């Protein structure tokens, strides 16, 4: 599956080294930008003078990301960060829609070519509806005769239990790729 991959990293750095950290981050973004599939990067901090930095970078697919992460350029850049006392405490990879449901809780945002903000809620709801409604009709049509004897709460439980993984792993990633032009406008 060729879906964009966002990497979220929590890093800790001495707050007195902010200028060096910014320069180091910009150098990393510049290096990553020379790799095919790079879609952008940015970082946020919970508050001014915080030692915690939440770093985001995004590649068009897992192969492009793997090429960057295994490159000599990235290793050189990471080694330079060690001199700043950069410590990664958490690394998370995300694809598809799940990142949309995290509300930003930060005041210091640095944008390095892409905005890490989610599309407006009304756009999210519209895109979810585009796959949720037809899938609901299909599942209810297919299962209707089989679950009709069950009481309403059990009928709903069966249909929701079947629809949730389909929505999460198939339908929503599929529709977000096709509607990206509108969601991220």
Foldseek 3Di string as FASTA:
>chain_A
DFFKKKKKWKKFFQLVCVVVVVVLVVQLQVVLVVFAFWDFKWWFDQDRSGRIIIIMTMGRGPVSVVCSVPDPSVVVSVVVVVVRVIDTDDMDMDTFDPLQPDDDNHDDIDGTRADPHWFDPVVVVVLLCVQPVVLLVVLCVVCVVVCVVPDPVVVVVVSCVVVVVCCVPPRRNVSCVVCVVPRRD
